C-alpha atoms as a PDB file:
ATOM      1  CA  MET A   1       0.000   0.000   0.000  1.00  0.00           C
ATOM      2  CA  THR A   2       1.199   3.513  -0.794  1.00  0.00           C
ATOM      3  CA  GLU A   3       0.559   6.290   1.706  1.00  0.00           C
ATOM      4  CA  ARG A   4       0.908   9.933   0.699  1.00  0.00           C
ATOM      5  CA  LEU A   5       1.401  12.545   3.419  1.00  0.00           C
ATOM      6  CA  LEU A   6       1.582  16.334   3.675  1.00  0.00           C
ATOM      7  CA  ARG A   7      -0.054  17.304   0.392  1.00  0.00           C
ATOM      8  CA  THR A   8       0.801  20.598  -1.270  1.00  0.00           C
ATOM      9  CA  PRO A   9      -0.696  21.937  -4.511  1.00  0.00           C
ATOM     10  CA  THR A  10       2.017  20.178  -6.557  1.00  0.00           C
ATOM     11  CA  LEU A  11       3.277  17.189  -4.512  1.00  0.00           C
ATOM     12  CA  HIS A  12       3.201  15.210  -1.293  1.00  0.00           C
ATOM     13  CA  ARG A  13       6.121  15.942   1.025  1.00  0.00           C
ATOM     14  CA  VAL A  14       6.327  12.269   2.043  1.00  0.00           C
ATOM     15  CA  VAL A  15       5.352   9.108   0.171  1.00  0.00           C
ATOM     16  CA  LYS A  16       5.563   5.786   2.024  1.00  0.00           C
ATOM     17  CA  HIS A  17       5.698   2.416   0.264  1.00  0.00           C
ATOM     18  CA  ASN A  18       7.034  -1.026   1.233  1.00  0.00           C
ATOM     19  CA  GLY A  19       8.802   0.217   4.360  1.00  0.00           C
ATOM     20  CA  ILE A  20      10.509   3.151   2.635  1.00  0.00           C
ATOM     21  CA  ALA A  21       9.674   6.840   3.070  1.00  0.00           C
ATOM     22  CA  TYR A  22      10.530   9.092   0.125  1.00  0.00           C
ATOM     23  CA  ILE A  23      10.947  12.707   1.171  1.00  0.00           C
ATOM     24  CA  GLY A  24      11.309  15.274  -1.544  1.00  0.00           C
ATOM     25  CA  GLY A  25      12.058  18.843  -2.311  1.00  0.00           C
ATOM     26  CA  ILE A  26      12.868  20.457   1.037  1.00  0.00           C
ATOM     27  CA  VAL A  27      13.962  24.097   0.900  1.00  0.00           C
ATOM     28  CA  ALA A  28      14.242  26.765   3.586  1.00  0.00           C
ATOM     29  CA  ASP A  29      11.274  29.061   4.116  1.00  0.00           C
ATOM     30  CA  ASP A  30      13.585  31.988   4.919  1.00  0.00           C
ATOM     31  CA  ASP A  31      15.707  32.431   1.801  1.00  0.00           C
ATOM     32  CA  SER A  32      17.433  35.479   3.297  1.00  0.00           C
ATOM     33  CA  LEU A  33      19.519  33.141   5.479  1.00  0.00           C
ATOM     34  CA  ASP A  34      23.071  32.168   4.577  1.00  0.00           C
ATOM     35  CA  MET A  35      23.987  28.573   3.669  1.00  0.00           C
ATOM     36  CA  ALA A  36      24.330  27.466   7.304  1.00  0.00           C
ATOM     37  CA  GLY A  37      20.973  29.017   8.205  1.00  0.00           C
ATOM     38  CA  GLN A  38      19.165  27.548   5.213  1.00  0.00           C
ATOM     39  CA  THR A  39      20.725  24.146   5.907  1.00  0.00           C
ATOM     40  CA  ARG A  40      19.545  24.246   9.541  1.00  0.00           C
ATOM     41  CA  GLU A  41      16.026  25.110   8.399  1.00  0.00           C
ATOM     42  CA  VAL A  42      15.999  22.326   5.780  1.00  0.00           C
ATOM     43  CA  LEU A  43      17.206  19.759   8.320  1.00  0.00           C
ATOM     44  CA  LYS A  44      14.619  20.881  10.871  1.00  0.00           C
ATOM     45  CA  LYS A  45      11.935  20.273   8.239  1.00  0.00           C
ATOM     46  CA  LEU A  46      13.459  16.887   7.427  1.00  0.00           C
ATOM     47  CA  ASP A  47      13.183  15.967  11.113  1.00  0.00           C
ATOM     48  CA  ALA A  48       9.482  16.851  11.037  1.00  0.00           C
ATOM     49  CA  TYR A  49       8.874  14.917   7.805  1.00  0.00           C
ATOM     50  CA  LEU A  50      10.649  11.855   9.201  1.00  0.00           C
ATOM     51  CA  GLN A  51       8.445  12.031  12.278  1.00  0.00           C
ATOM     52  CA  GLU A  52       5.355  12.286  10.060  1.00  0.00           C
ATOM     53  CA  ALA A  53       6.584   9.167   8.222  1.00  0.00           C
ATOM     54  CA  GLU A  54       7.013   7.337  11.564  1.00  0.00           C
ATOM     55  CA  SER A  55      10.763   7.312  11.011  1.00  0.00           C
ATOM     56  CA  GLU A  56      13.792   9.029  12.518  1.00  0.00           C
ATOM     57  CA  LEU A  57      17.336  10.189  11.790  1.00  0.00           C
ATOM     58  CA  SER A  58      18.889   6.798  12.471  1.00  0.00           C
ATOM     59  CA  LYS A  59      16.730   5.331   9.699  1.00  0.00           C
ATOM     60  CA  LEU A  60      17.938   7.647   6.919  1.00  0.00           C
ATOM     61  CA  LEU A  61      19.179   5.640   3.948  1.00  0.00           C
ATOM     62  CA  SER A  62      20.178   8.301   1.442  1.00  0.00           C
ATOM     63  CA  ALA A  63      20.186  12.030   0.850  1.00  0.00           C
ATOM     64  CA  THR A  64      20.741  14.051  -2.283  1.00  0.00           C
ATOM     65  CA  ILE A  65      21.573  17.683  -1.678  1.00  0.00           C
ATOM     66  CA  PHE A  66      21.484  20.321  -4.396  1.00  0.00           C
ATOM     67  CA  ILE A  67      23.384  23.562  -3.769  1.00  0.00           C
ATOM     68  CA  THR A  68      23.844  26.606  -5.961  1.00  0.00           C
ATOM     69  CA  ASP A  69      27.410  27.414  -4.927  1.00  0.00           C
ATOM     70  CA  MET A  70      29.917  24.633  -4.244  1.00  0.00           C
ATOM     71  CA  ASN A  71      32.123  27.205  -2.471  1.00  0.00           C
ATOM     72  CA  LEU A  72      29.459  27.190   0.287  1.00  0.00           C
ATOM     73  CA  LYS A  73      29.588  23.395   0.710  1.00  0.00           C
ATOM     74  CA  PRO A  74      31.862  23.575   3.805  1.00  0.00           C
ATOM     75  CA  ALA A  75      29.193  25.633   5.627  1.00  0.00           C
ATOM     76  CA  MET A  76      26.530  23.093   4.664  1.00  0.00           C
ATOM     77  CA  ASP A  77      28.771  20.179   5.692  1.00  0.00           C
ATOM     78  CA  ALA A  78      29.448  21.749   9.106  1.00  0.00           C
ATOM     79  CA  VAL A  79      25.728  21.968   9.890  1.00  0.00           C
ATOM     80  CA  TRP A  80      25.163  18.442   8.523  1.00  0.00           C
ATOM     81  CA  LYS A  81      27.845  17.048  10.860  1.00  0.00           C
ATOM     82  CA  GLU A  82      26.342  18.895  13.856  1.00  0.00           C
ATOM     83  CA  TRP A  83      22.896  17.509  13.056  1.00  0.00           C
ATOM     84  CA  LEU A  84      23.723  13.840  12.460  1.00  0.00           C
ATOM     85  CA  ALA A  85      25.662  11.432  14.614  1.00  0.00           C
ATOM     86  CA  PRO A  86      28.495   9.822  12.603  1.00  0.00           C
ATOM     87  CA  GLU A  87      26.927   6.372  12.928  1.00  0.00           C
ATOM     88  CA  ASP A  88      23.617   7.646  11.467  1.00  0.00           C
ATOM     89  CA  MET A  89      24.982   9.334   8.351  1.00  0.00           C
ATOM     90  CA  PRO A  90      23.271   8.046   5.199  1.00  0.00           C
ATOM     91  CA  ALA A  91      24.684   7.585   1.730  1.00  0.00           C
ATOM     92  CA  ARG A  92      24.842  11.115   0.337  1.00  0.00           C
ATOM     93  CA  ALA A  93      25.590  13.125  -2.768  1.00  0.00           C
ATOM     94  CA  THR A  94      25.939  16.886  -3.058  1.00  0.00           C
ATOM     95  CA  ILE A  95      25.309  18.264  -6.520  1.00  0.00           C
ATOM     96  CA  GLY A  96      26.039  21.782  -7.721  1.00  0.00           C
ATOM     97  CA  VAL A  97      23.192  23.333  -9.703  1.00  0.00           C
ATOM     98  CA  ALA A  98      22.784  26.644 -11.483  1.00  0.00           C
ATOM     99  CA  ASP A  99      19.523  27.776  -9.894  1.00  0.00           C
ATOM    100  CA  LEU A 100      17.041  26.668  -7.223  1.00  0.00           C
ATOM    101  CA  GLY A 101      15.059  29.898  -7.079  1.00  0.00           C
ATOM    102  CA  GLU A 102      15.897  33.522  -6.507  1.00  0.00           C
ATOM    103  CA  ARG A 103      17.791  33.186  -3.183  1.00  0.00           C
ATOM    104  CA  THR A 104      17.413  29.482  -2.433  1.00  0.00           C
ATOM    105  CA  LEU A 105      20.856  28.001  -1.768  1.00  0.00           C
ATOM    106  CA  ILE A 106      19.976  24.384  -0.913  1.00  0.00           C
ATOM    107  CA  GLU A 107      17.350  21.736  -1.630  1.00  0.00           C
ATOM    108  CA  LEU A 108      17.331  18.223  -0.165  1.00  0.00           C
ATOM    109  CA  ILE A 109      15.627  14.935  -1.002  1.00  0.00           C
ATOM    110  CA  ALA A 110      15.955  11.858   1.186  1.00  0.00           C
ATOM    111  CA  THR A 111      14.852   8.276   1.702  1.00  0.00           C
ATOM    112  CA  ALA A 112      14.459   6.468   5.002  1.00  0.00           C
ATOM    113  CA  HIS A 113      12.956   3.263   6.251  1.00  0.00           C
ATOM    114  CA  TYR A 114      10.227   3.238   8.870  1.00  0.00           C
END
């Protein structure tokens, strides 16, 4: 059975199927923040979406992070390492992209089991 949670006009924030939660398209609400601030906001939302999916940080399987400036990756990595215990870090890729929106610096998608 597929369960779709947190509907928006264009997507569901979380889709659950066969023990896996797919979490997509998380960006910061406050795009005036710097990379560290936007990353903190994105990860706070991810925490909430994992909870909605009946999952948690230790159950993260993978994360794909899109950032608009690879020179800002160290700031994003620092927040990531503060947020996750080393033993809970998922498989991850960080991809540089040209544009995520006017001042959006980071977008994250993730999968977790529940």
